[in-house]
Amino acid sequence: MSYATPMAYKTNLLVMTVGGYTFKDFLKVGIPLTLIMWISLSWLIPVFYQLP
């Protein structure tokens, strides 16, 4: 779930360089995406694994 920074994975750095993206661009898209994943997985994992 490391979407908010370009340093999360090597491919992000390659895309950042070639695409001309800035660090701020990753934050704009990455923070909401991380929050969506966090909320949805917090609900789905207990349901899927039948946890109390």
Protein backbone atom coordinates (compact mmCIF):
# COMPACT_ATOMS: atom_id res chain seq x y z
CA MET A 1 0.00 0.00 0.00
CA SER A 2 2.86 2.36 -0.71
CA TYR A 3 1.14 4.56 -3.26
CA ALA A 4 1.85 7.95 -1.71
CA THR A 5 5.56 8.26 -2.54
CA PRO A 6 7.65 7.60 -5.63
CA MET A 7 10.27 5.88 -3.48
CA ALA A 8 7.88 3.03 -2.66
CA TYR A 9 9.00 0.95 -5.61
CA LYS A 10 11.56 1.21 -8.40
CA THR A 11 8.91 1.40 -11.10
CA ASN A 12 7.41 4.50 -9.49
CA LEU A 13 10.74 6.28 -9.80
CA LEU A 14 11.03 5.32 -13.47
CA VAL A 15 7.51 6.59 -14.20
CA MET A 16 8.20 9.78 -12.24
CA THR A 17 11.30 10.55 -14.27
CA VAL A 18 9.94 9.76 -17.73
CA GLY A 19 6.45 11.16 -17.13
CA GLY A 20 7.64 14.39 -15.60
CA TYR A 21 5.65 13.85 -12.41
CA THR A 22 6.52 15.59 -9.16
CA PHE A 23 6.50 14.31 -5.60
CA LYS A 24 3.31 16.31 -5.04
CA ASP A 25 1.56 14.42 -7.86
CA PHE A 26 2.16 11.14 -6.06
CA LEU A 27 0.77 12.61 -2.84
CA LYS A 28 -2.39 13.90 -4.57
CA VAL A 29 -3.28 10.46 -5.88
CA GLY A 30 -1.54 8.25 -3.33
CA ILE A 31 -3.05 9.53 -0.08
CA PRO A 32 -6.71 9.08 -1.13
CA LEU A 33 -5.89 5.69 -2.66
CA THR A 34 -4.14 4.59 0.53
CA LEU A 35 -7.15 5.69 2.61
CA ILE A 36 -9.56 3.82 0.33
CA MET A 37 -7.44 0.66 0.57
CA TRP A 38 -7.09 0.99 4.36
CA ILE A 39 -10.82 1.40 4.94
CA SER A 40 -11.88 -1.32 2.51
CA LEU A 41 -9.32 -3.86 3.72
CA SER A 42 -10.12 -3.11 7.37
CA TRP A 43 -13.65 -4.21 6.58
CA LEU A 44 -12.95 -7.02 4.08
CA ILE A 45 -10.20 -8.96 5.84
CA PRO A 46 -12.23 -9.75 8.99
CA VAL A 47 -15.22 -10.68 6.83
CA PHE A 48 -13.15 -12.89 4.54
CA TYR A 49 -11.31 -14.68 7.36
CA GLN A 50 -14.38 -14.76 9.62
CA LEU A 51 -12.68 -12.97 12.48
CA PRO A 52 -14.72 -11.69 15.44
